[in-house]
């Protein structure tokens, strides 16, 4: 893991700095950054499972901390990845 990718993971997304750094890194590599909702689900993944109640509450807490009234796709994906 490079220092720049670690920095992107550590910075909160709400201030926009991490988004800007991520886009700059992708631009330097010659690619475009796509939002998760703009990408199709990879074929090699198994069928999606429902979030557990603990994962749902974790996603709700993340949304509340970010100032959103309900969790978005990114909150749900982060909560689903925590259980692995």
N, C-alpha and C. Protein backbone atom coordinates (compact mmCIF):
# COMPACT_ATOMS: atom_id res chain seq x y z
N UNK A 1 0.85 -1.17 0.00
CA UNK A 1 0.00 0.00 0.00
C UNK A 1 0.90 1.24 0.00
N UNK A 2 0.64 2.12 -0.93
CA UNK A 2 1.45 3.32 -1.02
C UNK A 2 0.97 4.36 -0.01
N UNK A 3 1.78 5.34 0.23
CA UNK A 3 1.41 6.39 1.18
C UNK A 3 0.21 7.18 0.68
N UNK A 4 0.13 7.40 -0.63
CA UNK A 4 -0.99 8.16 -1.18
C UNK A 4 -2.30 7.39 -1.03
N UNK A 5 -2.28 6.06 -1.27
CA UNK A 5 -3.51 5.30 -1.13
C UNK A 5 -3.92 5.20 0.33
N UNK A 6 -2.94 5.16 1.23
CA UNK A 6 -3.24 5.16 2.65
C UNK A 6 -3.86 6.49 3.05
N UNK A 7 -3.35 7.58 2.50
CA UNK A 7 -3.88 8.90 2.78
C UNK A 7 -5.33 9.01 2.32
N UNK A 8 -5.64 8.45 1.15
CA UNK A 8 -7.00 8.49 0.63
C UNK A 8 -7.93 7.74 1.56
N UNK A 9 -7.47 6.63 2.13
CA UNK A 9 -8.31 5.86 3.03
C UNK A 9 -8.51 6.56 4.36
N UNK A 10 -7.54 7.32 4.80
CA UNK A 10 -7.62 7.93 6.12
C UNK A 10 -8.39 9.24 6.13
N UNK A 11 -8.36 9.97 5.04
CA UNK A 11 -9.04 11.26 5.01
C UNK A 11 -10.55 11.08 4.90
N UNK A 12 -11.32 11.86 5.62
CA UNK A 12 -12.77 11.76 5.48
C UNK A 12 -13.22 12.28 4.13
N UNK A 13 -14.23 11.65 3.56
CA UNK A 13 -14.69 12.03 2.22
C UNK A 13 -15.51 13.31 2.23
N UNK A 14 -16.08 13.69 3.38
CA UNK A 14 -16.98 14.83 3.38
C UNK A 14 -16.27 16.15 3.10
N UNK A 15 -14.95 16.23 3.33
CA UNK A 15 -14.27 17.48 3.06
C UNK A 15 -13.78 17.60 1.62
N UNK A 16 -13.92 16.55 0.83
CA UNK A 16 -13.59 16.62 -0.58
C UNK A 16 -12.13 16.42 -0.90
N UNK A 17 -11.25 16.44 0.08
CA UNK A 17 -9.82 16.31 -0.19
C UNK A 17 -9.50 14.91 -0.69
N UNK A 18 -10.08 13.90 -0.04
CA UNK A 18 -9.80 12.52 -0.45
C UNK A 18 -10.30 12.27 -1.86
N UNK A 19 -11.45 12.83 -2.21
CA UNK A 19 -11.96 12.66 -3.56
C UNK A 19 -11.00 13.28 -4.56
N UNK A 20 -10.50 14.46 -4.24
CA UNK A 20 -9.60 15.16 -5.13
C UNK A 20 -8.29 14.37 -5.30
N UNK A 21 -7.75 13.85 -4.21
CA UNK A 21 -6.52 13.07 -4.30
C UNK A 21 -6.75 11.80 -5.10
N UNK A 22 -7.88 11.12 -4.88
CA UNK A 22 -8.19 9.90 -5.61
C UNK A 22 -8.31 10.15 -7.10
N UNK A 23 -8.96 11.24 -7.49
CA UNK A 23 -9.10 11.57 -8.90
C UNK A 23 -7.75 11.90 -9.51
N UNK A 24 -6.91 12.60 -8.76
CA UNK A 24 -5.58 12.96 -9.27
C UNK A 24 -4.76 11.70 -9.51
N UNK A 25 -4.83 10.75 -8.59
CA UNK A 25 -4.07 9.52 -8.74
C UNK A 25 -4.57 8.73 -9.94
N UNK A 26 -5.89 8.66 -10.14
CA UNK A 26 -6.44 7.93 -11.27
C UNK A 26 -6.07 8.62 -12.58
N UNK A 27 -6.07 9.94 -12.57
CA UNK A 27 -5.70 10.69 -13.77
C UNK A 27 -4.25 10.43 -14.13
N UNK A 28 -3.39 10.34 -13.13
CA UNK A 28 -1.98 10.09 -13.40
C UNK A 28 -1.78 8.69 -13.97
N UNK A 29 -2.62 7.75 -13.58
CA UNK A 29 -2.50 6.39 -14.10
C UNK A 29 -3.21 6.24 -15.44
N UNK A 30 -3.90 7.28 -15.89
CA UNK A 30 -4.55 7.24 -17.18
C UNK A 30 -5.96 6.70 -17.15
N UNK A 31 -6.54 6.53 -15.98
CA UNK A 31 -7.90 6.01 -15.87
C UNK A 31 -8.86 7.06 -15.35
N UNK A 32 -10.13 6.71 -15.38
CA UNK A 32 -11.15 7.60 -14.84
C UNK A 32 -11.70 7.00 -13.56
N UNK A 33 -12.07 7.85 -12.65
CA UNK A 33 -12.68 7.39 -11.41
C UNK A 33 -14.18 7.32 -11.62
N UNK A 34 -14.75 6.15 -11.38
CA UNK A 34 -16.20 5.98 -11.50
C UNK A 34 -16.78 5.76 -10.12
N UNK A 35 -17.92 6.31 -9.89
CA UNK A 35 -18.61 6.10 -8.63
C UNK A 35 -19.13 4.66 -8.58
N UNK A 36 -19.28 4.07 -7.40
CA UNK A 36 -19.73 2.68 -7.31
C UNK A 36 -21.08 2.44 -7.96
N UNK A 37 -21.95 3.45 -7.95
CA UNK A 37 -23.28 3.27 -8.55
C UNK A 37 -23.24 3.38 -10.06
N UNK A 38 -22.11 3.80 -10.63
CA UNK A 38 -21.97 3.86 -12.09
C UNK A 38 -21.31 2.62 -12.66
N UNK A 39 -20.81 1.74 -11.79
CA UNK A 39 -20.13 0.53 -12.25
C UNK A 39 -21.08 -0.67 -12.15
N UNK A 40 -21.01 -1.59 -13.09
CA UNK A 40 -21.81 -2.82 -12.96
C UNK A 40 -21.20 -3.73 -11.91
N UNK A 41 -22.01 -4.58 -11.33
CA UNK A 41 -21.52 -5.53 -10.34
C UNK A 41 -20.61 -6.54 -11.04
N UNK A 42 -19.43 -6.80 -10.49
CA UNK A 42 -18.52 -7.77 -11.12
C UNK A 42 -19.16 -9.16 -11.19
N UNK A 43 -18.89 -9.87 -12.29
CA UNK A 43 -19.50 -11.18 -12.51
C UNK A 43 -18.97 -12.24 -11.55
N UNK A 44 -17.73 -12.06 -11.07
CA UNK A 44 -17.13 -13.10 -10.23
C UNK A 44 -17.59 -13.04 -8.77
N UNK A 45 -18.39 -12.06 -8.41
CA UNK A 45 -18.89 -11.98 -7.03
C UNK A 45 -20.09 -12.91 -6.85
N UNK A 46 -20.25 -13.46 -5.63
CA UNK A 46 -21.43 -14.29 -5.39
C UNK A 46 -22.68 -13.42 -5.29
N UNK A 47 -23.83 -14.05 -5.15
CA UNK A 47 -25.07 -13.31 -5.03
C UNK A 47 -25.01 -12.41 -3.80
N UNK A 48 -25.58 -11.21 -3.90
CA UNK A 48 -25.54 -10.32 -2.74
C UNK A 48 -26.39 -10.87 -1.59
N UNK A 49 -25.92 -10.63 -0.37
CA UNK A 49 -26.65 -11.06 0.82
C UNK A 49 -27.23 -9.84 1.50
N UNK A 50 -28.28 -10.03 2.26
CA UNK A 50 -28.90 -8.93 2.98
C UNK A 50 -27.99 -8.52 4.14
N UNK A 51 -28.03 -7.24 4.48
CA UNK A 51 -27.25 -6.76 5.61
C UNK A 51 -27.86 -7.25 6.91
N UNK A 52 -27.01 -7.62 7.85
CA UNK A 52 -27.49 -8.00 9.17
C UNK A 52 -27.95 -6.74 9.91
N UNK A 53 -28.64 -6.94 11.00
CA UNK A 53 -29.12 -5.77 11.75
C UNK A 53 -27.94 -4.97 12.31
N UNK A 54 -26.86 -5.66 12.69
CA UNK A 54 -25.67 -4.95 13.17
C UNK A 54 -25.04 -4.12 12.06
N UNK A 55 -24.99 -4.68 10.85
CA UNK A 55 -24.42 -3.96 9.72
C UNK A 55 -25.30 -2.77 9.34
N UNK A 56 -26.62 -2.95 9.44
CA UNK A 56 -27.53 -1.84 9.15
C UNK A 56 -27.34 -0.70 10.13
N UNK A 57 -27.19 -1.04 11.42
CA UNK A 57 -27.00 0.02 12.41
C UNK A 57 -25.64 0.69 12.23
N UNK A 58 -24.63 -0.07 11.79
CA UNK A 58 -23.33 0.51 11.51
C UNK A 58 -23.42 1.49 10.34
N UNK A 59 -24.15 1.13 9.31
CA UNK A 59 -24.33 2.02 8.16
C UNK A 59 -25.12 3.26 8.55
N UNK A 60 -26.13 3.09 9.38
CA UNK A 60 -26.91 4.25 9.84
C UNK A 60 -26.04 5.19 10.67
N UNK A 61 -25.17 4.62 11.51
CA UNK A 61 -24.29 5.45 12.33
C UNK A 61 -23.30 6.21 11.45
N UNK A 62 -22.79 5.57 10.41
CA UNK A 62 -21.86 6.24 9.50
C UNK A 62 -22.56 7.38 8.76
N UNK A 63 -23.80 7.15 8.37
CA UNK A 63 -24.57 8.20 7.68
C UNK A 63 -24.83 9.37 8.62
N UNK A 64 -25.18 9.06 9.85
CA UNK A 64 -25.45 10.12 10.82
C UNK A 64 -24.19 10.94 11.10
N UNK A 65 -23.04 10.25 11.20
CA UNK A 65 -21.77 10.95 11.44
C UNK A 65 -21.41 11.86 10.27
N UNK A 66 -21.83 11.47 9.06
CA UNK A 66 -21.54 12.28 7.87
C UNK A 66 -22.60 13.35 7.62
N UNK A 67 -23.64 13.37 8.46
CA UNK A 67 -24.67 14.39 8.32
C UNK A 67 -25.77 14.04 7.35
N UNK A 68 -25.90 12.76 7.00
CA UNK A 68 -26.96 12.35 6.09
C UNK A 68 -28.10 11.73 6.89
N UNK A 69 -29.35 11.88 6.43
CA UNK A 69 -30.48 11.32 7.18
C UNK A 69 -30.61 9.80 7.08
N UNK A 70 -30.04 9.22 6.04
CA UNK A 70 -30.11 7.77 5.86
C UNK A 70 -28.85 7.30 5.14
N UNK A 71 -28.50 6.01 5.27
CA UNK A 71 -27.26 5.52 4.66
C UNK A 71 -27.35 5.44 3.14
N UNK A 72 -26.24 5.72 2.49
CA UNK A 72 -26.19 5.60 1.03
C UNK A 72 -25.47 4.29 0.67
N UNK A 73 -25.25 4.08 -0.59
CA UNK A 73 -24.63 2.84 -1.07
C UNK A 73 -23.24 2.64 -0.47
N UNK A 74 -22.47 3.70 -0.36
CA UNK A 74 -21.12 3.59 0.17
C UNK A 74 -21.14 3.17 1.64
N UNK A 75 -22.07 3.73 2.42
CA UNK A 75 -22.20 3.32 3.82
C UNK A 75 -22.55 1.84 3.92
N UNK A 76 -23.47 1.40 3.07
CA UNK A 76 -23.87 -0.01 3.08
C UNK A 76 -22.73 -0.92 2.65
N UNK A 77 -21.96 -0.50 1.64
CA UNK A 77 -20.83 -1.32 1.19
C UNK A 77 -19.76 -1.42 2.28
N UNK A 78 -19.51 -0.32 2.97
CA UNK A 78 -18.52 -0.33 4.04
C UNK A 78 -18.98 -1.22 5.19
N UNK A 79 -20.29 -1.16 5.52
CA UNK A 79 -20.81 -2.00 6.60
C UNK A 79 -20.77 -3.47 6.21
N UNK A 80 -21.04 -3.78 4.94
CA UNK A 80 -21.00 -5.17 4.48
C UNK A 80 -19.57 -5.70 4.49
N UNK A 81 -18.60 -4.85 4.19
CA UNK A 81 -17.20 -5.29 4.16
C UNK A 81 -16.66 -5.52 5.57
N UNK A 82 -17.22 -4.85 6.57
CA UNK A 82 -16.74 -5.01 7.94
C UNK A 82 -16.95 -6.43 8.47
N UNK A 83 -18.00 -7.08 8.00
CA UNK A 83 -18.32 -8.40 8.57
C UNK A 83 -17.43 -9.49 8.02
N UNK A 84 -16.62 -9.21 7.01
CA UNK A 84 -15.75 -10.23 6.42
C UNK A 84 -14.48 -10.39 7.20
